[in-house]
Structures are given as structure tokens and as C-alpha cells.
Amino acid sequence: MAFVIERASPSEPEAAALIARHVALMASQSPEESCHVLDGGGLDRPDVVFFLIRLDGATIGMGALRTLPDGAMELKSMHTVAEARGTGAGRAMLEFLLDHARAQGARGVYLETGSTEDFRPARSLYERYGFVECGPFDDYAEDPWSTFMHLDLRTAA
């Protein structure tokens, strides 16, 4: 399978539809005060780069990176549509985003994901790439619904 990953605008119709689907899913899995998903406006900022992943011309996922003030980046909005899970799209997007972060000179990549069973596949994927649990970063606070993770790009393979 040949995935195509390209930078996109979150306001493009297919991106907006995918973001809406992602936001709805995240809202169904976490209480409002613990749901840190960004909508299209939150992803359409100068400190965020947003990408879509396609397979055979169909948009099947997305991912974004937000530049943090300390020279690291935050992984945002990694999502693969349910119909395309198991195809390797999530791994392909994660590898692409990590390569992009390295090319931008980021020291590390942080992320926040859910702590419940619904999010276990995501946490397992990140762990396979060397992410380790850490405390809250940037403007996050401790939250029992959140798991915070970090990958030090200076030492990661």
C-alpha cells in the first residue's frame, strides 16, 4: 500500500469533515473538561502544521504538530478513520510526523492522549516508537483522563 501524506489546510472540506469526525469521537470518549482535541480553528494556526494521509485517493487520516515554546513539538490530532485501521496508516503518519519534527530541529515530541481502555491502541503505538509517560507539559494539568508522553528525539532511533 502506498500512502500519500501531504500538508493541508484544516479548512479544506475533506479535512474539515475528518476533523469533525475526530472531534465527535473524542467528545464521546472523554468528559468535556478533559477533552483536549483541537477543532479546525485550533489546527489552523501559525504554530501548527497539519497533514492528511490518503490511500488510493481516499483521505483516511490526519496528524498535526504544534511548536512548543521550548523547542519541542506536540503531536496533535492523530486520527485514522475506523474503516482504515489496521492498514498501517497510523504508523505511517507517526513516522512522517517524527521525521518532520526532526527536520525542524525539534528536541523532542510530546503528546496527550486518553488514559482509558479506548485509547490503549494509541498508547501502545506511541510506546513502540519510544514514547514514555511523563508529567503534564505546556499548559496541561494533571488529569486522570489524560496520559502524557514524551519522545526525546536527541536519543531516539
N, C-alpha and C. Protein backbone atom coordinates (compact mmCIF):
# COMPACT_ATOMS: atom_id res chain seq x y z
N MET A 1 0.84 -1.18 0.00
CA MET A 1 0.00 0.00 0.00
C MET A 1 0.88 1.24 0.00
N ALA A 2 0.54 2.17 -0.85
CA ALA A 2 1.30 3.41 -0.92
C ALA A 2 0.47 4.54 -0.35
N PHE A 3 0.87 4.99 0.82
CA PHE A 3 0.20 6.13 1.44
C PHE A 3 0.79 7.40 0.86
N VAL A 4 -0.04 8.42 0.75
CA VAL A 4 0.39 9.75 0.35
C VAL A 4 0.06 10.67 1.51
N ILE A 5 1.09 11.34 2.04
CA ILE A 5 0.89 12.28 3.14
C ILE A 5 1.30 13.65 2.65
N GLU A 6 0.37 14.60 2.78
CA GLU A 6 0.61 15.95 2.30
C GLU A 6 0.10 16.97 3.30
N ARG A 7 0.81 18.11 3.33
CA ARG A 7 0.34 19.22 4.14
C ARG A 7 -0.98 19.70 3.58
N ALA A 8 -1.88 20.09 4.46
CA ALA A 8 -3.21 20.53 4.04
C ALA A 8 -3.68 21.64 4.96
N SER A 9 -4.72 22.29 4.55
CA SER A 9 -5.38 23.30 5.38
C SER A 9 -6.53 22.63 6.11
N PRO A 10 -6.64 22.85 7.42
CA PRO A 10 -7.76 22.27 8.16
C PRO A 10 -9.12 22.75 7.67
N SER A 11 -9.15 23.84 6.89
CA SER A 11 -10.43 24.35 6.40
C SER A 11 -10.87 23.72 5.08
N GLU A 12 -9.98 22.93 4.45
CA GLU A 12 -10.39 22.24 3.22
C GLU A 12 -11.55 21.30 3.56
N PRO A 13 -12.52 21.15 2.67
CA PRO A 13 -13.71 20.35 3.00
C PRO A 13 -13.42 18.94 3.52
N GLU A 14 -12.53 18.18 2.87
CA GLU A 14 -12.29 16.82 3.36
C GLU A 14 -11.55 16.83 4.69
N ALA A 15 -10.70 17.81 4.92
CA ALA A 15 -10.03 17.94 6.22
C ALA A 15 -11.05 18.32 7.29
N ALA A 16 -11.90 19.29 6.98
CA ALA A 16 -12.91 19.73 7.95
C ALA A 16 -13.84 18.59 8.33
N ALA A 17 -14.23 17.77 7.37
CA ALA A 17 -15.10 16.62 7.66
C ALA A 17 -14.39 15.61 8.56
N LEU A 18 -13.12 15.36 8.30
CA LEU A 18 -12.35 14.42 9.12
C LEU A 18 -12.14 14.97 10.53
N ILE A 19 -11.85 16.26 10.63
CA ILE A 19 -11.67 16.89 11.94
C ILE A 19 -12.97 16.80 12.74
N ALA A 20 -14.10 17.08 12.10
CA ALA A 20 -15.39 17.00 12.79
C ALA A 20 -15.65 15.58 13.30
N ARG A 21 -15.31 14.61 12.49
CA ARG A 21 -15.48 13.20 12.89
C ARG A 21 -14.59 12.88 14.09
N HIS A 22 -13.36 13.36 14.06
CA HIS A 22 -12.41 13.14 15.16
C HIS A 22 -12.89 13.82 16.44
N VAL A 23 -13.31 15.07 16.33
CA VAL A 23 -13.78 15.82 17.49
C VAL A 23 -14.98 15.10 18.12
N ALA A 24 -15.91 14.64 17.30
CA ALA A 24 -17.08 13.93 17.83
C ALA A 24 -16.67 12.65 18.55
N LEU A 25 -15.73 11.91 17.99
CA LEU A 25 -15.26 10.68 18.64
C LEU A 25 -14.60 11.00 19.98
N MET A 26 -13.72 11.99 20.00
CA MET A 26 -13.04 12.33 21.24
C MET A 26 -14.03 12.82 22.30
N ALA A 27 -15.02 13.60 21.89
CA ALA A 27 -16.03 14.08 22.83
C ALA A 27 -16.86 12.94 23.40
N SER A 28 -17.01 11.86 22.64
CA SER A 28 -17.77 10.71 23.13
C SER A 28 -16.96 9.84 24.09
N GLN A 29 -15.64 10.04 24.13
CA GLN A 29 -14.78 9.18 24.95
C GLN A 29 -14.21 9.87 26.18
N SER A 30 -14.39 11.17 26.30
CA SER A 30 -13.81 11.90 27.43
C SER A 30 -14.79 12.98 27.89
N PRO A 31 -14.80 13.28 29.19
CA PRO A 31 -15.64 14.38 29.65
C PRO A 31 -15.16 15.70 29.04
N GLU A 32 -16.06 16.64 28.88
CA GLU A 32 -15.74 17.90 28.22
C GLU A 32 -14.50 18.59 28.80
N GLU A 33 -14.39 18.61 30.12
CA GLU A 33 -13.25 19.30 30.75
C GLU A 33 -11.93 18.56 30.55
N SER A 34 -11.99 17.33 30.09
CA SER A 34 -10.78 16.54 29.86
C SER A 34 -10.55 16.24 28.39
N CYS A 35 -11.31 16.87 27.53
CA CYS A 35 -11.19 16.64 26.09
C CYS A 35 -10.34 17.75 25.49
N HIS A 36 -9.11 17.41 25.10
CA HIS A 36 -8.14 18.41 24.64
C HIS A 36 -7.99 18.45 23.12
N VAL A 37 -8.95 17.88 22.41
CA VAL A 37 -8.91 17.85 20.96
C VAL A 37 -9.06 19.26 20.40
N LEU A 38 -8.35 19.54 19.31
CA LEU A 38 -8.48 20.83 18.64
C LEU A 38 -9.44 20.71 17.47
N ASP A 39 -10.31 21.70 17.34
CA ASP A 39 -11.18 21.75 16.17
C ASP A 39 -10.42 22.38 15.01
N GLY A 40 -11.09 22.61 13.89
CA GLY A 40 -10.42 23.17 12.73
C GLY A 40 -9.76 24.50 13.00
N GLY A 41 -10.41 25.37 13.77
CA GLY A 41 -9.81 26.66 14.11
C GLY A 41 -8.55 26.50 14.95
N GLY A 42 -8.56 25.56 15.87
CA GLY A 42 -7.39 25.31 16.70
C GLY A 42 -6.22 24.72 15.93
N LEU A 43 -6.53 24.04 14.83
CA LEU A 43 -5.48 23.44 13.99
C LEU A 43 -5.01 24.40 12.90
N ASP A 44 -5.75 25.48 12.69
CA ASP A 44 -5.43 26.44 11.63
C ASP A 44 -4.76 27.66 12.25
N ARG A 45 -3.57 27.43 12.82
CA ARG A 45 -2.80 28.49 13.49
C ARG A 45 -1.37 28.45 12.98
N PRO A 46 -0.65 29.55 13.09
CA PRO A 46 0.73 29.59 12.59
C PRO A 46 1.68 28.60 13.27
N ASP A 47 1.39 28.20 14.51
CA ASP A 47 2.29 27.30 15.22
C ASP A 47 1.93 25.83 15.02
N VAL A 48 0.99 25.54 14.10
CA VAL A 48 0.55 24.16 13.84
C VAL A 48 0.75 23.84 12.36
N VAL A 49 1.31 22.66 12.08
CA VAL A 49 1.34 22.13 10.72
C VAL A 49 0.41 20.92 10.70
N PHE A 50 -0.42 20.86 9.66
CA PHE A 50 -1.48 19.86 9.58
C PHE A 50 -1.31 19.06 8.29
N PHE A 51 -1.48 17.74 8.41
CA PHE A 51 -1.28 16.83 7.28
C PHE A 51 -2.45 15.86 7.16
N LEU A 52 -2.73 15.47 5.92
CA LEU A 52 -3.69 14.41 5.64
C LEU A 52 -2.95 13.22 5.05
N ILE A 53 -3.45 12.03 5.33
CA ILE A 53 -2.92 10.82 4.73
C ILE A 53 -4.01 10.20 3.87
N ARG A 54 -3.61 9.80 2.66
CA ARG A 54 -4.55 9.23 1.69
C ARG A 54 -4.06 7.85 1.25
N LEU A 55 -5.03 7.04 0.88
CA LEU A 55 -4.75 5.72 0.31
C LEU A 55 -5.67 5.57 -0.90
N ASP A 56 -5.07 5.35 -2.05
CA ASP A 56 -5.84 5.23 -3.30
C ASP A 56 -6.76 6.44 -3.51
N GLY A 57 -6.27 7.61 -3.14
CA GLY A 57 -7.01 8.85 -3.33
C GLY A 57 -8.01 9.18 -2.25
N ALA A 58 -8.29 8.25 -1.35
CA ALA A 58 -9.26 8.49 -0.27
C ALA A 58 -8.54 9.00 0.97
N THR A 59 -9.04 10.05 1.56
CA THR A 59 -8.48 10.58 2.81
C THR A 59 -8.87 9.65 3.94
N ILE A 60 -7.85 9.11 4.62
CA ILE A 60 -8.13 8.12 5.66
C ILE A 60 -7.60 8.53 7.04
N GLY A 61 -6.90 9.66 7.12
CA GLY A 61 -6.39 10.06 8.41
C GLY A 61 -5.75 11.42 8.38
N MET A 62 -5.31 11.83 9.55
CA MET A 62 -4.69 13.14 9.71
C MET A 62 -3.72 13.11 10.87
N GLY A 63 -2.90 14.14 10.91
CA GLY A 63 -1.98 14.34 12.02
C GLY A 63 -1.47 15.76 11.96
N ALA A 64 -1.04 16.27 13.11
CA ALA A 64 -0.56 17.64 13.18
C ALA A 64 0.54 17.73 14.22
N LEU A 65 1.35 18.75 14.09
CA LEU A 65 2.38 19.07 15.07
C LEU A 65 2.24 20.54 15.45
N ARG A 66 2.33 20.80 16.73
CA ARG A 66 2.30 22.18 17.24
C ARG A 66 3.66 22.49 17.84
N THR A 67 4.23 23.61 17.46
CA THR A 67 5.52 24.02 18.00
C THR A 67 5.32 24.56 19.42
N LEU A 68 6.10 24.04 20.34
CA LEU A 68 6.05 24.49 21.73
C LEU A 68 7.12 25.55 21.98
N PRO A 69 6.93 26.39 22.98
CA PRO A 69 7.89 27.47 23.23
C PRO A 69 9.31 27.01 23.56
N ASP A 70 9.48 25.76 24.03
CA ASP A 70 10.80 25.31 24.48
C ASP A 70 11.62 24.60 23.40
N GLY A 71 11.15 24.64 22.15
CA GLY A 71 11.90 23.98 21.08
C GLY A 71 11.47 22.55 20.81
N ALA A 72 10.48 22.08 21.54
CA ALA A 72 9.91 20.76 21.28
C ALA A 72 8.64 20.95 20.45
N MET A 73 8.01 19.84 20.11
CA MET A 73 6.75 19.89 19.38
C MET A 73 5.75 18.98 20.08
N GLU A 74 4.48 19.29 19.85
CA GLU A 74 3.41 18.46 20.40
C GLU A 74 2.67 17.78 19.25
N LEU A 75 2.51 16.48 19.35
CA LEU A 75 1.73 15.72 18.40
C LEU A 75 0.25 15.98 18.69
N LYS A 76 -0.48 16.43 17.67
CA LYS A 76 -1.89 16.76 17.82
C LYS A 76 -2.72 16.01 16.78
N SER A 77 -3.90 15.64 17.15
CA SER A 77 -4.93 15.17 16.22
C SER A 77 -4.53 14.01 15.33
N MET A 78 -3.77 13.06 15.88
CA MET A 78 -3.51 11.83 15.12
C MET A 78 -4.82 11.06 15.07
N HIS A 79 -5.27 10.76 13.86
CA HIS A 79 -6.54 10.05 13.72
C HIS A 79 -6.56 9.29 12.40
N THR A 80 -6.97 8.04 12.46
CA THR A 80 -7.21 7.22 11.28
C THR A 80 -8.68 6.80 11.34
N VAL A 81 -9.38 6.94 10.23
CA VAL A 81 -10.79 6.54 10.23
C VAL A 81 -10.89 5.05 10.55
N ALA A 82 -11.97 4.68 11.21
CA ALA A 82 -12.14 3.29 11.66
C ALA A 82 -12.03 2.31 10.51
N GLU A 83 -12.53 2.69 9.34
CA GLU A 83 -12.52 1.79 8.19
C GLU A 83 -11.10 1.48 7.69
N ALA A 84 -10.13 2.31 8.06
CA ALA A 84 -8.76 2.12 7.58
C ALA A 84 -7.81 1.67 8.70
N ARG A 85 -8.33 1.41 9.87
CA ARG A 85 -7.45 0.95 10.95
C ARG A 85 -6.94 -0.44 10.62
N GLY A 86 -5.68 -0.68 10.97
CA GLY A 86 -5.05 -1.96 10.67
C GLY A 86 -4.31 -1.96 9.34
N THR A 87 -4.36 -0.85 8.61
CA THR A 87 -3.68 -0.78 7.31
C THR A 87 -2.24 -0.29 7.43
N GLY A 88 -1.86 0.20 8.62
CA GLY A 88 -0.53 0.79 8.79
C GLY A 88 -0.52 2.30 8.62
N ALA A 89 -1.70 2.88 8.40
CA ALA A 89 -1.78 4.33 8.20
C ALA A 89 -1.32 5.10 9.44
N GLY A 90 -1.68 4.63 10.62
CA GLY A 90 -1.26 5.32 11.85
C GLY A 90 0.25 5.31 12.00
N ARG A 91 0.87 4.16 11.74
CA ARG A 91 2.33 4.08 11.81
C ARG A 91 2.98 4.99 10.78
N ALA A 92 2.42 4.98 9.57
CA ALA A 92 2.98 5.83 8.51
C ALA A 92 2.89 7.30 8.88
N MET A 93 1.75 7.72 9.43
CA MET A 93 1.61 9.13 9.81
C MET A 93 2.54 9.47 10.97
N LEU A 94 2.64 8.59 11.96
CA LEU A 94 3.52 8.87 13.09
C LEU A 94 4.97 8.99 12.63
N GLU A 95 5.43 8.07 11.80
CA GLU A 95 6.80 8.15 11.29
C GLU A 95 7.02 9.43 10.50
N PHE A 96 6.05 9.81 9.69
CA PHE A 96 6.14 11.05 8.92
C PHE A 96 6.25 12.25 9.86
N LEU A 97 5.40 12.30 10.89
CA LEU A 97 5.42 13.44 11.81
C LEU A 97 6.72 13.50 12.60
N LEU A 98 7.24 12.35 13.02
CA LEU A 98 8.51 12.34 13.75
C LEU A 98 9.65 12.80 12.83
N ASP A 99 9.65 12.36 11.59
CA ASP A 99 10.66 12.83 10.63
C ASP A 99 10.54 14.33 10.41
N HIS A 100 9.32 14.83 10.33
CA HIS A 100 9.10 16.27 10.15
C HIS A 100 9.63 17.03 11.37
N ALA A 101 9.35 16.54 12.56
CA ALA A 101 9.82 17.20 13.78
C ALA A 101 11.35 17.23 13.81
N ARG A 102 11.99 16.13 13.45
CA ARG A 102 13.46 16.09 13.40
C ARG A 102 13.98 17.11 12.39
N ALA A 103 13.35 17.18 11.22
CA ALA A 103 13.79 18.11 10.17
C ALA A 103 13.64 19.56 10.62
N GLN A 104 12.70 19.81 11.51
CA GLN A 104 12.50 21.16 12.03
C GLN A 104 13.42 21.47 13.21
N GLY A 105 14.23 20.49 13.61
CA GLY A 105 15.16 20.69 14.71
C GLY A 105 14.55 20.55 16.09
N ALA A 106 13.39 19.92 16.19
CA ALA A 106 12.76 19.73 17.50
C ALA A 106 13.61 18.82 18.37
N ARG A 107 13.72 19.16 19.64
CA ARG A 107 14.47 18.34 20.60
C ARG A 107 13.67 17.11 21.02
N GLY A 108 12.36 17.25 21.00
CA GLY A 108 11.51 16.15 21.43
C GLY A 108 10.09 16.38 20.97
N VAL A 109 9.27 15.34 21.16
CA VAL A 109 7.86 15.42 20.82
C VAL A 109 7.06 14.97 22.04
N TYR A 110 6.09 15.75 22.40
CA TYR A 110 5.17 15.45 23.50
C TYR A 110 3.80 15.13 22.91
N LEU A 111 2.99 14.47 23.71
CA LEU A 111 1.60 14.26 23.32
C LEU A 111 0.75 14.04 24.56
N GLU A 112 -0.53 14.29 24.39
CA GLU A 112 -1.54 13.97 25.40
C GLU A 112 -2.52 13.06 24.72
N THR A 113 -2.85 11.95 25.37
CA THR A 113 -3.86 11.04 24.86
C THR A 113 -4.69 10.57 26.04
N GLY A 114 -5.74 9.86 25.75
CA GLY A 114 -6.61 9.39 26.82
C GLY A 114 -5.98 8.27 27.63
N SER A 115 -6.45 8.15 28.87
CA SER A 115 -5.92 7.11 29.77
C SER A 115 -6.83 5.89 29.85
N THR A 116 -7.99 5.94 29.20
CA THR A 116 -8.95 4.83 29.30
C THR A 116 -8.62 3.73 28.29
N GLU A 117 -9.34 2.64 28.39
CA GLU A 117 -9.12 1.48 27.52
C GLU A 117 -9.32 1.83 26.04
N ASP A 118 -10.22 2.78 25.75
CA ASP A 118 -10.44 3.20 24.36
C ASP A 118 -9.16 3.68 23.69
N PHE A 119 -8.25 4.21 24.48
CA PHE A 119 -7.03 4.80 23.95
C PHE A 119 -5.82 3.87 24.02
N ARG A 120 -6.02 2.65 24.49
CA ARG A 120 -4.89 1.71 24.62
C ARG A 120 -4.17 1.49 23.28
N PRO A 121 -4.87 1.30 22.16
CA PRO A 121 -4.13 1.11 20.90
C PRO A 121 -3.23 2.30 20.56
N ALA A 122 -3.70 3.50 20.82
CA ALA A 122 -2.86 4.68 20.56
C ALA A 122 -1.64 4.69 21.47
N ARG A 123 -1.85 4.45 22.76
CA ARG A 123 -0.72 4.44 23.70
C ARG A 123 0.29 3.36 23.31
N SER A 124 -0.20 2.19 22.91
CA SER A 124 0.70 1.10 22.50
C SER A 124 1.52 1.49 21.28
N LEU A 125 0.89 2.14 20.32
CA LEU A 125 1.63 2.61 19.13
C LEU A 125 2.74 3.57 19.54
N TYR A 126 2.41 4.54 20.37
CA TYR A 126 3.43 5.53 20.78
C TYR A 126 4.56 4.85 21.56
N GLU A 127 4.23 3.91 22.42
CA GLU A 127 5.26 3.20 23.18
C GLU A 127 6.20 2.43 22.26
N ARG A 128 5.67 1.82 21.20
CA ARG A 128 6.51 1.09 20.25
C ARG A 128 7.53 2.01 19.58
N TYR A 129 7.24 3.27 19.50
CA TYR A 129 8.17 4.23 18.89
C TYR A 129 9.06 4.92 19.92
N GLY A 130 8.97 4.49 21.17
CA GLY A 130 9.88 5.00 22.19
C GLY A 130 9.32 6.08 23.09
N PHE A 131 8.06 6.45 22.93
CA PHE A 131 7.46 7.43 23.83
C PHE A 131 7.34 6.81 25.22
N VAL A 132 7.58 7.63 26.23
CA VAL A 132 7.44 7.22 27.62
C VAL A 132 6.50 8.18 28.32
N GLU A 133 5.82 7.67 29.33
CA GLU A 133 4.93 8.54 30.09
C GLU A 133 5.74 9.61 30.80
N CYS A 134 5.13 10.79 30.90
CA CYS A 134 5.75 11.92 31.59
C CYS A 134 4.64 12.71 32.28
N GLY A 135 5.02 13.77 32.93
CA GLY A 135 4.03 14.63 33.57
C GLY A 135 3.43 15.60 32.56
N PRO A 136 2.47 16.38 33.00
CA PRO A 136 1.87 17.37 32.11
C PRO A 136 2.93 18.33 31.57
N PHE A 137 2.72 18.81 30.38
CA PHE A 137 3.65 19.74 29.74
C PHE A 137 2.87 20.95 29.24
N ASP A 138 3.58 21.97 28.86
CA ASP A 138 2.99 23.21 28.34
C ASP A 138 1.88 23.68 29.27
N ASP A 139 0.66 23.85 28.79
CA ASP A 139 -0.41 24.38 29.65
C ASP A 139 -1.37 23.30 30.16
N TYR A 140 -0.97 22.03 30.04
CA TYR A 140 -1.79 20.94 30.56
C TYR A 140 -1.64 20.86 32.08
N ALA A 141 -2.65 20.26 32.73
CA ALA A 141 -2.60 19.99 34.17
C ALA A 141 -2.87 18.50 34.37
N GLU A 142 -2.51 18.01 35.55
CA GLU A 142 -2.81 16.61 35.88
C GLU A 142 -4.29 16.36 35.64
N ASP A 143 -4.59 15.21 35.07
CA ASP A 143 -5.97 14.86 34.75
C ASP A 143 -6.05 13.33 34.69
N PRO A 144 -6.93 12.71 35.48
CA PRO A 144 -7.00 11.25 35.46
C PRO A 144 -7.43 10.69 34.10
N TRP A 145 -8.01 11.50 33.23
CA TRP A 145 -8.45 11.07 31.92
C TRP A 145 -7.33 11.17 30.88
N SER A 146 -6.19 11.76 31.26
CA SER A 146 -5.09 12.00 30.32
C SER A 146 -3.86 11.18 30.65
N THR A 147 -3.17 10.77 29.60
CA THR A 147 -1.83 10.21 29.70
C THR A 147 -0.93 11.13 28.88
N PHE A 148 0.15 11.58 29.48
CA PHE A 148 1.11 12.46 28.82
C PHE A 148 2.35 11.63 28.48
N MET A 149 2.88 11.84 27.28
CA MET A 149 4.03 11.05 26.82
C MET A 149 5.04 11.96 26.15
N HIS A 150 6.29 11.49 26.13
CA HIS A 150 7.39 12.26 25.54
C HIS A 150 8.36 11.33 24.82
N LEU A 151 8.88 11.82 23.71
CA LEU A 151 9.95 11.13 22.99
C LEU A 151 11.09 12.12 22.83
N ASP A 152 12.26 11.78 23.36
CA ASP A 152 13.45 12.61 23.21
C ASP A 152 14.07 12.31 21.86
N LEU A 153 13.95 13.23 20.93
CA LEU A 153 14.47 12.99 19.57
C LEU A 153 15.99 13.00 19.50
N ARG A 154 16.64 13.52 20.54
CA ARG A 154 18.10 13.53 20.55
C ARG A 154 18.67 12.14 20.78
N THR A 155 17.87 11.25 21.39
CA THR A 155 18.37 9.91 21.69
C THR A 155 17.58 8.82 20.99
N ALA A 156 16.43 9.15 20.43
CA ALA A 156 15.59 8.13 19.78
C ALA A 156 16.18 7.73 18.43
N ALA A 157 15.99 6.47 18.10
CA ALA A 157 16.48 5.96 16.81
C ALA A 157 15.63 6.49 15.68
